[in-house]
Amino acid sequence: MPALALLLPMLLPTPLGAAEGDRPLTVEEAIPLAMTRNLGLSGECLEYQATRESLSAAWGAFDPVLSSSFSATETYASPPGASVGVALPWGGGASVELDWLSAYVEEDGRIEQRAGGAPTVTVSLSQPLLRGFVLGSEAGAVRDAGRALEISSIRLEQALTDLAAEVEDAYWAAVEAREDRAAAEQSLEFSRRQEAVTLERIGEGFQAPIDVLQVREQRSGAEARVAEARAREADAEDGLRVALALPLSGEGAEPLALVSRPDEAFPAPTMEEVVAAALREGFGVRQAERSLARARTSRLYATSQSLPDLSASGSATFVPDAADPTGTRPTWEWGVGASLSVPLTLRSTAQGIRAARREVRAAELALRQARQEAERAARAAYRAVRNQERQVELSRERIDYAERKLSAERERLERGDSTLKNVLDFLVDRDQARRDEISARIGLRRAQIDLLRVEGRLLQRYGVDLRRWLEGCGR
């Protein structure tokens, strides 16, 4: 039968492959490529670098300070002196001072300044015992900057994870669009062959001339679907190129051959394991926890402002012989002191305490909300994976049923008990079942990636060394 021979290639599976000369690209290669080239991620890197420098600047409050002095009067010019001081992380300060100028009490009661042949060396230490000791302003700034850096690193990790998920989604969207385009072109080819068979059968007198109108209408619809599928494929590939920071046009825009297939098996955790991982590693939860710790530190500092300020100080001075021309000073001199200041009005301080308490309360509510949202997202992602797994199973069953029906109808056609239109209808059903199975597997892959993202474990899948990546960020 000539018509059946002409339609026989339509009944066989058509492999979909990449065009010759295209650049092969797997999804595993696309992820690190995006991490090194994506423009949005480069901006996040700059934000992280700025926060890291802010922490370094906060520690600068404890850097040593070198100072020197020189003075001149009508009767005497003092030699230069020098001192080195440093602020301590717990709120106090220490210094070492060299002084060539000494004061002497003469027999007549006059105080006279003289320069010795060597400097006196004074070591001083001051320490707030209450307000400053609870939390000094410099130490508080360092703590705040440290919390801000932790939050910034979590945000950068989230940006990396979101980028990986975005590239995965764009990759599979391009794969699915390419499969749909190929299927649409295949359907168009089927329609053209069916038109040729119909015209042949009309010429042989087996069909009426009006029958060609139906197949031509089918071909016209197939051409429209091909044009639409090609436009969707171009849009999907442009989206992938943008995520990878690849050129959209020009010499560098070489065609991409997306060779990965969504066939990799992922482990199947339980709902409890997914929720626990999301509450422990979820980005929103971790950021909210750091923000709460930062708010509590600010509240502690605000409360400490209402306490009496009790400070102690001490000093020890070594006086060498060359520094004492008169020989009247002891070799060692010491001094201790204490100061107590009690705030009489606390209006501004009380306002700061109330504001700090509100900030803590807001941070606690934000943490509760973040945990609730993390659990909701984890449960939804888990159900999506299970649903897609079931969709894959059902799609494979539909392929099996479609293959059986097509085979049976072909046998009936060969015996003369069926029509060519029935065979073509079953052929369309089989091809649609195959496309549905591919879509279901891609949907499962996307759901699994989203589950890993919700759990905060997506970067582990690609072997990203986050610590090393953060250290090199912005360089």
Protein backbone atom coordinates (compact mmCIF):
# COMPACT_ATOMS: atom_id res chain seq x y z
CA MET A 1 0.00 0.00 0.00
CA PRO A 2 1.77 3.19 -1.15
CA ALA A 3 0.05 5.43 1.39
CA LEU A 4 1.15 3.28 4.32
CA ALA A 5 4.72 3.17 3.02
CA LEU A 6 4.73 6.96 2.79
CA LEU A 7 3.47 7.29 6.36
CA LEU A 8 5.71 4.62 7.88
CA PRO A 9 8.43 7.11 9.07
CA MET A 10 5.70 8.95 10.97
CA LEU A 11 5.02 5.86 13.06
CA LEU A 12 8.62 5.52 14.25
CA PRO A 13 10.20 7.50 17.11
CA THR A 14 12.21 10.52 15.97
CA PRO A 15 15.26 11.28 18.13
CA LEU A 16 15.72 14.93 19.03
CA GLY A 17 19.36 15.95 18.97
CA ALA A 18 21.49 19.08 18.91
CA ALA A 19 22.46 20.67 15.64
CA GLU A 20 26.01 20.16 14.45
CA GLY A 21 28.32 23.01 15.45
CA ASP A 22 26.38 24.02 18.56
CA ARG A 23 28.30 24.56 21.79
CA PRO A 24 27.53 21.64 24.17
CA LEU A 25 26.46 22.89 27.60
CA THR A 26 25.37 20.80 30.57
CA VAL A 27 23.44 22.24 33.49
CA GLU A 28 26.39 21.40 35.78
CA GLU A 29 28.63 23.56 33.58
CA ALA A 30 26.07 26.38 33.43
CA ILE A 31 25.92 26.95 37.21
CA PRO A 32 29.63 27.84 37.86
CA LEU A 33 29.66 29.79 34.60
CA ALA A 34 26.83 31.96 35.90
CA MET A 35 28.48 32.42 39.29
CA THR A 36 31.58 33.91 37.68
CA ARG A 37 29.81 36.03 35.06
CA ASN A 38 26.35 37.03 36.32
CA LEU A 39 26.07 40.82 36.60
CA GLY A 40 23.54 40.86 39.44
CA LEU A 41 25.77 38.65 41.57
CA SER A 42 28.69 41.01 41.01
CA GLY A 43 26.60 43.77 42.61
CA GLU A 44 25.88 41.56 45.64
CA CYS A 45 29.62 40.96 45.94
CA LEU A 46 30.26 44.69 46.16
CA GLU A 47 27.69 45.00 48.96
CA TYR A 48 29.37 42.18 50.89
CA GLN A 49 32.79 43.72 50.39
CA ALA A 50 31.54 47.07 51.72
CA THR A 51 30.12 45.40 54.83
CA ARG A 52 33.38 43.55 55.41
CA GLU A 53 35.29 46.83 55.20
CA SER A 54 32.84 48.39 57.69
CA LEU A 55 33.81 45.73 60.24
CA SER A 56 37.48 46.50 59.67
CA ALA A 57 36.76 50.20 60.14
CA ALA A 58 34.92 49.49 63.42
CA TRP A 59 37.98 47.66 64.75
CA GLY A 60 39.98 50.75 63.83
CA ALA A 61 38.69 52.41 67.01
CA PHE A 62 41.13 50.19 68.93
CA ASP A 63 44.20 51.05 66.84
CA PRO A 64 47.12 52.63 68.76
CA VAL A 65 47.47 56.41 68.60
CA LEU A 66 50.89 58.09 68.59
CA SER A 67 51.01 61.73 69.70
CA SER A 68 53.74 64.22 70.56
CA SER A 69 53.79 67.71 72.05
CA PHE A 70 56.03 70.76 72.30
CA SER A 71 55.45 74.01 74.14
CA ALA A 72 57.33 77.30 74.68
CA THR A 73 56.84 80.05 77.27
CA GLU A 74 58.58 83.36 77.96
CA THR A 75 61.07 81.74 80.31
CA TYR A 76 61.21 78.15 79.23
CA ALA A 77 60.83 75.90 76.18
CA SER A 78 59.90 72.29 76.85
CA PRO A 79 61.43 69.51 74.80
CA PRO A 80 59.01 67.41 72.78
CA GLY A 81 57.14 64.65 74.55
CA ALA A 82 55.50 61.54 73.10
CA SER A 83 52.71 59.16 74.02
CA VAL A 84 51.13 56.01 72.59
CA GLY A 85 47.56 55.17 73.54
CA VAL A 86 45.15 52.41 72.67
CA ALA A 87 41.43 51.88 73.31
CA LEU A 88 40.56 48.53 74.87
CA PRO A 89 37.70 46.36 73.54
CA TRP A 90 36.01 46.32 76.96
CA GLY A 91 35.71 50.09 77.13
CA GLY A 92 38.87 51.28 78.84
CA GLY A 93 42.14 52.65 77.60
CA ALA A 94 45.91 52.31 78.13
CA SER A 95 48.79 54.59 77.29
CA VAL A 96 52.54 54.98 77.61
CA GLU A 97 53.96 58.52 77.88
CA LEU A 98 57.51 59.87 77.64
CA ASP A 99 58.08 63.27 79.21
CA TRP A 100 61.34 65.21 79.50
CA LEU A 101 59.70 67.97 81.53
CA SER A 102 59.52 67.79 85.34
CA ALA A 103 58.13 70.10 88.03
CA TYR A 104 60.08 70.84 91.20
CA VAL A 105 59.11 72.63 94.40
CA GLU A 106 61.90 74.99 95.53
CA GLU A 107 62.69 75.83 99.16
CA ASP A 108 60.83 79.11 98.88
CA GLY A 109 57.71 77.26 97.70
CA ARG A 110 58.04 78.13 94.03
CA ILE A 111 57.29 75.51 91.40
CA GLU A 112 59.87 75.35 88.68
CA GLN A 113 59.96 73.28 85.49
CA ARG A 114 63.21 71.77 84.32
CA ALA A 115 64.22 69.39 81.55
CA GLY A 116 65.97 66.20 82.60
CA GLY A 117 68.59 64.29 80.69
CA ALA A 118 66.20 61.32 80.24
CA PRO A 119 62.42 61.09 80.03
CA THR A 120 60.12 59.81 82.71
CA VAL A 121 58.03 56.83 81.60
CA THR A 122 54.40 56.73 82.68
CA VAL A 123 52.07 53.80 82.11
CA SER A 124 48.39 54.60 82.60
CA LEU A 125 45.27 52.48 82.59
CA SER A 126 41.64 53.57 82.80
CA GLN A 127 38.61 51.33 82.99
CA PRO A 128 34.90 52.10 83.26
CA LEU A 129 33.46 49.68 85.81
CA LEU A 130 29.76 50.05 85.08
CA ARG A 131 28.37 51.51 81.87
CA GLY A 132 31.45 51.15 79.74
CA PHE A 133 32.30 47.73 81.13
CA VAL A 134 28.85 46.40 80.25
CA LEU A 135 29.26 47.50 76.67
CA GLY A 136 31.60 50.21 75.48
CA SER A 137 30.50 52.24 72.50
CA GLU A 138 33.47 51.05 70.40
CA ALA A 139 32.85 47.41 71.31
CA GLY A 140 29.17 47.86 70.51
CA ALA A 141 30.05 49.22 67.08
CA VAL A 142 32.25 46.19 66.42
CA ARG A 143 29.48 43.83 67.48
CA ASP A 144 26.99 45.62 65.24
CA ALA A 145 29.38 45.50 62.31
CA GLY A 146 30.02 41.79 62.95
CA ARG A 147 26.29 41.03 62.94
CA ALA A 148 25.87 43.08 59.78
CA LEU A 149 28.65 41.07 58.11
CA GLU A 150 26.98 37.80 59.11
CA ILE A 151 23.69 38.98 57.63
CA SER A 152 25.45 40.18 54.49
CA SER A 153 27.18 36.82 54.04
CA ILE A 154 23.83 35.03 54.40
CA ARG A 155 22.31 37.35 51.81
CA LEU A 156 25.17 36.67 49.44
CA GLU A 157 24.77 32.93 49.99
CA GLN A 158 21.08 33.34 49.24
CA ALA A 159 21.93 35.30 46.08
CA LEU A 160 24.22 32.46 44.98
CA THR A 161 21.51 29.91 45.69
CA ASP A 162 18.83 31.92 43.92
CA LEU A 163 21.14 32.32 40.94
CA ALA A 164 21.75 28.57 40.80
CA ALA A 165 17.99 27.93 40.95
CA GLU A 166 17.40 30.62 38.32
CA VAL A 167 19.95 29.06 35.96
CA GLU A 168 18.47 25.60 36.51
CA ASP A 169 15.01 26.96 35.76
CA ALA A 170 16.19 28.86 32.69
CA TYR A 171 18.12 25.83 31.44
CA TRP A 172 15.16 23.50 31.70
CA ALA A 173 12.81 26.12 30.28
CA ALA A 174 15.08 26.29 27.23
CA VAL A 175 15.21 22.48 27.02
CA GLU A 176 11.44 22.23 27.24
CA ALA A 177 10.97 24.98 24.65
CA ARG A 178 13.40 23.23 22.32
CA GLU A 179 11.57 19.92 22.74
CA ASP A 180 8.23 21.66 22.08
CA ARG A 181 9.63 23.30 18.96
CA ALA A 182 10.97 20.00 17.67
CA ALA A 183 7.65 18.31 18.40
CA ALA A 184 5.76 21.11 16.62
CA GLU A 185 8.04 20.79 13.58
CA GLN A 186 7.48 17.04 13.64
CA SER A 187 3.72 17.56 13.74
CA LEU A 188 4.02 19.94 10.79
CA GLU A 189 5.97 17.32 8.86
CA PHE A 190 3.26 14.78 9.70
CA SER A 191 0.61 17.19 8.41
CA ARG A 192 2.51 17.72 5.16
CA ARG A 193 2.90 13.99 4.64
CA GLN A 194 -0.75 13.44 5.43
CA GLU A 195 -1.65 16.08 2.83
CA ALA A 196 0.52 14.30 0.27
CA VAL A 197 -1.11 10.94 1.09
CA THR A 198 -4.57 12.47 0.87
CA LEU A 199 -3.85 13.96 -2.54
CA GLU A 200 -2.51 10.60 -3.69
CA ARG A 201 -5.61 8.78 -2.45
CA ILE A 202 -7.85 11.41 -4.10
CA GLY A 203 -5.99 10.81 -7.37
CA GLU A 204 -6.54 7.05 -6.95
CA GLY A 205 -10.24 7.62 -6.27
CA PHE A 206 -10.20 6.39 -2.67
CA GLN A 207 -11.13 9.79 -1.16
CA ALA A 208 -13.30 12.72 -2.15
CA PRO A 209 -11.57 15.97 -3.25
CA ILE A 210 -13.16 17.86 -0.38
CA ASP A 211 -11.15 15.77 2.11
CA VAL A 212 -8.02 17.72 1.26
CA LEU A 213 -9.49 20.85 2.87
CA GLN A 214 -9.42 19.21 6.31
CA VAL A 215 -5.80 18.15 6.10
CA ARG A 216 -4.78 21.55 4.73
CA GLU A 217 -6.51 23.23 7.68
CA GLN A 218 -4.58 20.89 9.97
CA ARG A 219 -1.32 21.81 8.21
CA SER A 220 -2.06 25.52 8.58
CA GLY A 221 -2.62 25.09 12.32
CA ALA A 222 0.62 23.11 12.59
CA GLU A 223 2.53 25.92 10.86
CA ALA A 224 1.11 28.44 13.34
CA ARG A 225 2.18 26.23 16.27
CA VAL A 226 5.69 25.94 14.83
CA ALA A 227 6.02 29.72 14.55
CA GLU A 228 4.84 30.13 18.13
CA ALA A 229 7.13 27.37 19.43
CA ARG A 230 10.16 28.90 17.70
CA ALA A 231 9.44 32.29 19.30
CA ARG A 232 9.14 30.68 22.75
CA GLU A 233 12.39 28.81 22.20
CA ALA A 234 14.20 32.03 21.26
CA ASP A 235 12.82 33.78 24.36
CA ALA A 236 13.83 30.87 26.60
CA GLU A 237 17.36 30.74 25.20
CA ASP A 238 17.72 34.52 25.62
CA GLY A 239 16.69 34.12 29.26
CA LEU A 240 19.37 31.48 29.75
CA ARG A 241 22.00 33.66 28.07
CA VAL A 242 21.12 36.59 30.34
CA ALA A 243 21.48 34.38 33.44
CA LEU A 244 24.89 33.22 32.16
CA ALA A 245 25.91 36.75 31.04
CA LEU A 246 26.47 35.44 27.51
CA PRO A 247 26.00 37.76 24.51
CA LEU A 248 22.57 37.68 22.90
CA SER A 249 23.83 38.55 19.45
CA GLY A 250 27.02 39.10 17.52
CA GLU A 251 30.06 36.91 17.03
CA GLY A 252 30.08 35.62 20.62
CA ALA A 253 26.48 34.41 20.49
CA GLU A 254 27.29 30.88 19.36
CA PRO A 255 24.38 28.40 19.39
CA LEU A 256 24.00 26.36 22.58
CA ALA A 257 23.44 22.62 22.62
CA LEU A 258 21.65 21.83 25.89
CA VAL A 259 22.70 18.23 26.32
CA SER A 260 21.52 17.54 29.89
CA ARG A 261 18.37 15.54 30.49
CA PRO A 262 16.32 15.59 33.70
CA ASP A 263 17.02 11.97 34.57
CA GLU A 264 19.11 12.28 37.76
CA ALA A 265 17.61 10.65 40.85
CA PHE A 266 17.52 12.74 44.02
CA PRO A 267 17.29 11.36 47.57
CA ALA A 268 13.78 11.28 49.00
CA PRO A 269 13.75 12.89 52.48
CA THR A 270 10.73 12.84 54.74
CA MET A 271 8.53 15.85 55.40
CA GLU A 272 9.99 16.15 58.92
CA GLU A 273 13.56 16.19 57.60
CA VAL A 274 12.71 18.86 55.04
CA VAL A 275 11.02 21.12 57.61
CA ALA A 276 13.87 20.66 60.11
CA ALA A 277 16.47 21.57 57.46
CA ALA A 278 14.48 24.65 56.39
CA LEU A 279 14.15 25.88 59.99
CA ARG A 280 17.87 25.31 60.57
CA GLU A 281 19.41 26.41 57.27
CA GLY A 282 16.74 28.59 55.69
CA PHE A 283 18.06 32.00 54.67
CA GLY A 284 15.16 33.97 56.09
CA VAL A 285 15.41 32.23 59.46
CA ARG A 286 19.15 32.71 59.76
CA GLN A 287 18.94 36.39 58.85
CA ALA A 288 16.14 36.92 61.37
CA GLU A 289 18.18 35.19 64.08
CA ARG A 290 21.16 37.49 63.47
CA SER A 291 18.90 40.54 63.41
CA LEU A 292 17.40 39.51 66.77
CA ALA A 293 20.87 39.06 68.30
CA ARG A 294 21.83 42.49 67.01
CA ALA A 295 18.68 44.07 68.48
CA ARG A 296 19.31 42.46 71.87
CA THR A 297 22.85 43.83 71.90
CA SER A 298 21.51 47.30 71.11
CA ARG A 299 18.99 46.99 73.96
CA LEU A 300 21.78 46.02 76.38
CA TYR A 301 23.77 49.08 75.36
CA ALA A 302 20.73 51.36 75.66
CA THR A 303 19.98 50.02 79.16
CA SER A 304 23.58 50.50 80.26
CA GLN A 305 23.25 54.24 79.58
CA SER A 306 20.95 54.57 82.59
CA LEU A 307 23.48 53.09 85.01
CA PRO A 308 25.87 55.20 87.12
CA ASP A 309 29.20 55.61 85.40
CA LEU A 310 31.90 54.38 87.76
CA SER A 311 35.41 54.53 86.34
CA ALA A 312 38.80 53.69 87.83
CA SER A 313 42.23 54.82 86.73
CA GLY A 314 45.79 54.07 87.73
CA SER A 315 49.26 55.07 86.65
CA ALA A 316 52.87 54.21 87.41
CA THR A 317 55.82 56.48 86.55
CA PHE A 318 59.45 55.48 86.40
CA VAL A 319 61.84 58.36 87.10
CA PRO A 320 65.44 57.57 86.08
CA ASP A 321 68.30 59.44 87.72
CA ALA A 322 68.98 61.49 84.60
CA ALA A 323 65.39 62.74 84.66
CA ASP A 324 65.82 64.25 88.18
CA PRO A 325 68.59 66.89 88.28
CA THR A 326 67.77 67.78 91.91
CA GLY A 327 67.56 64.21 93.18
CA THR A 328 64.34 64.98 95.04
CA ARG A 329 61.92 62.67 93.20
CA PRO A 330 61.42 58.99 94.03
CA THR A 331 62.30 56.41 91.45
CA TRP A 332 58.70 55.20 91.23
CA GLU A 333 55.61 57.36 91.44
CA TRP A 334 52.09 56.01 91.35
CA GLY A 335 48.59 57.32 91.30
CA VAL A 336 45.07 55.88 91.50
CA GLY A 337 41.72 57.53 91.06
CA ALA A 338 38.01 56.85 90.72
CA SER A 339 35.08 58.84 89.44
CA LEU A 340 31.36 58.32 89.86
CA SER A 341 28.69 60.09 87.82
CA VAL A 342 24.99 59.52 88.41
CA PRO A 343 22.44 60.66 85.80
CA LEU A 344 19.76 62.81 87.43
CA THR A 345 17.35 62.78 84.48
CA LEU A 346 16.78 59.80 82.20
CA ARG A 347 14.37 61.24 79.66
CA SER A 348 16.51 60.71 76.57
CA THR A 349 17.92 57.44 77.93
CA ALA A 350 14.45 56.10 78.73
CA GLN A 351 13.32 56.91 75.22
CA GLY A 352 16.30 55.02 73.83
CA ILE A 353 15.51 52.03 76.05
CA ARG A 354 11.90 51.94 74.89
CA ALA A 355 13.00 52.18 71.27
CA ALA A 356 15.51 49.34 71.78
CA ARG A 357 12.83 47.17 73.38
CA ARG A 358 10.49 47.79 70.46
CA GLU A 359 13.29 46.83 68.10
CA VAL A 360 13.80 43.56 69.98
CA ARG A 361 10.08 42.84 69.93
CA ALA A 362 9.92 43.54 66.20
CA ALA A 363 12.92 41.25 65.61
CA GLU A 364 11.26 38.48 67.66
CA LEU A 365 8.08 38.78 65.60
CA ALA A 366 10.13 38.79 62.38
CA LEU A 367 11.87 35.58 63.50
CA ARG A 368 8.55 33.90 64.24
CA GLN A 369 7.25 34.97 60.86
CA ALA A 370 10.43 33.76 59.12
CA ARG A 371 10.14 30.35 60.79
CA GLN A 372 6.48 30.08 59.85
CA GLU A 373 7.23 31.02 56.25
CA ALA A 374 10.17 28.60 56.11
CA GLU A 375 7.97 25.75 57.32
CA ARG A 376 5.21 26.65 54.86
CA ALA A 377 7.67 26.81 51.96
CA ALA A 378 9.28 23.53 52.99
CA ARG A 379 5.96 21.71 53.18
CA ALA A 380 4.85 23.15 49.83
CA ALA A 381 8.16 22.20 48.17
CA TYR A 382 7.96 18.68 49.59
CA ARG A 383 4.40 18.22 48.30
CA ALA A 384 5.41 19.60 44.90
CA VAL A 385 8.17 16.98 44.60
CA ARG A 386 5.84 14.15 45.56
CA ASN A 387 3.20 15.42 43.12
CA GLN A 388 5.72 15.63 40.28
CA GLU A 389 6.99 12.15 41.03
CA ARG A 390 3.45 10.89 40.64
CA GLN A 391 3.03 12.88 37.42
CA VAL A 392 6.12 11.21 35.98
CA GLU A 393 4.75 7.77 36.85
CA LEU A 394 1.38 8.56 35.26
CA SER A 395 2.99 10.04 32.15
CA ARG A 396 4.97 6.83 31.64
CA GLU A 397 1.78 4.82 31.98
CA ARG A 398 0.11 7.02 29.36
CA ILE A 399 3.01 6.43 26.96
CA ASP A 400 2.63 2.69 27.43
CA TYR A 401 -1.11 2.87 26.76
CA ALA A 402 -0.60 5.12 23.71
CA GLU A 403 2.06 2.80 22.27
CA ARG A 404 -0.24 -0.21 22.70
CA LYS A 405 -3.20 1.54 21.04
CA LEU A 406 -1.05 2.75 18.14
CA SER A 407 0.40 -0.72 17.58
CA ALA A 408 -3.04 -2.29 17.64
CA GLU A 409 -4.45 0.28 15.23
CA ARG A 410 -1.56 -0.24 12.82
CA GLU A 411 -2.34 -3.97 12.76
CA ARG A 412 -5.99 -3.20 12.08
CA LEU A 413 -4.99 -0.85 9.24
CA GLU A 414 -2.82 -3.54 7.67
CA ARG A 415 -5.80 -5.93 7.82
CA GLY A 416 -8.07 -3.26 6.31
CA ASP A 417 -10.21 -2.97 9.45
CA SER A 418 -9.26 0.65 10.23
CA THR A 419 -8.64 3.93 8.50
CA LEU A 420 -5.54 6.01 8.08
CA LYS A 421 -7.16 8.85 10.06
CA ASN A 422 -7.56 6.59 13.10
CA VAL A 423 -3.89 5.63 12.94
CA LEU A 424 -2.88 9.28 12.70
CA ASP A 425 -5.09 10.16 15.67
CA PHE A 426 -3.41 7.50 17.80
CA LEU A 427 -0.03 8.71 16.53
CA VAL A 428 -0.83 12.21 17.75
CA ASP A 429 -1.86 10.78 21.14
CA ARG A 430 1.42 8.90 21.45
CA ASP A 431 3.55 11.92 20.62
CA GLN A 432 1.58 14.08 23.03
CA ALA A 433 2.14 11.47 25.75
CA ARG A 434 5.87 11.61 25.08
CA ARG A 435 5.90 15.39 25.35
CA ASP A 436 3.90 15.18 28.57
CA GLU A 437 6.44 12.74 29.99
CA ILE A 438 9.33 15.08 29.17
CA SER A 439 7.45 18.01 30.73
CA ALA A 440 6.72 15.94 33.83
CA ARG A 441 10.38 14.98 34.26
CA ILE A 442 11.46 18.60 33.83
CA GLY A 443 8.79 19.62 36.34
CA LEU A 444 10.15 17.06 38.81
CA ARG A 445 13.69 18.37 38.36
CA ARG A 446 12.50 21.93 38.99
CA ALA A 447 10.58 20.87 42.09
CA GLN A 448 13.63 19.03 43.46
CA ILE A 449 15.83 22.08 42.89
CA ASP A 450 13.30 24.29 44.66
CA LEU A 451 13.24 21.85 47.58
CA LEU A 452 17.04 22.04 47.91
CA ARG A 453 16.84 25.83 47.73
CA VAL A 454 14.23 25.97 50.52
CA GLU A 455 16.41 23.69 52.64
CA GLY A 456 19.48 25.88 52.01
CA ARG A 457 21.39 22.91 50.57
CA LEU A 458 21.45 23.73 46.86
CA LEU A 459 25.05 25.00 46.83
CA GLN A 460 26.22 21.72 48.36
CA ARG A 461 24.88 19.91 45.32
CA TYR A 462 27.28 21.85 43.08
CA GLY A 463 30.21 21.59 45.49
CA VAL A 464 30.47 25.36 46.04
CA ASP A 465 33.05 26.21 48.74
CA LEU A 466 31.18 29.13 50.26
CA ARG A 467 34.01 30.23 52.59
CA ARG A 468 36.54 30.41 49.78
CA TRP A 469 34.00 32.08 47.52
CA LEU A 470 33.28 34.77 50.13
CA GLU A 471 36.97 35.40 50.67
CA GLY A 472 37.48 36.01 46.96
CA CYS A 473 34.30 38.03 46.53
CA GLY A 474 34.88 41.46 45.09
CA ARG A 475 38.51 40.84 44.15
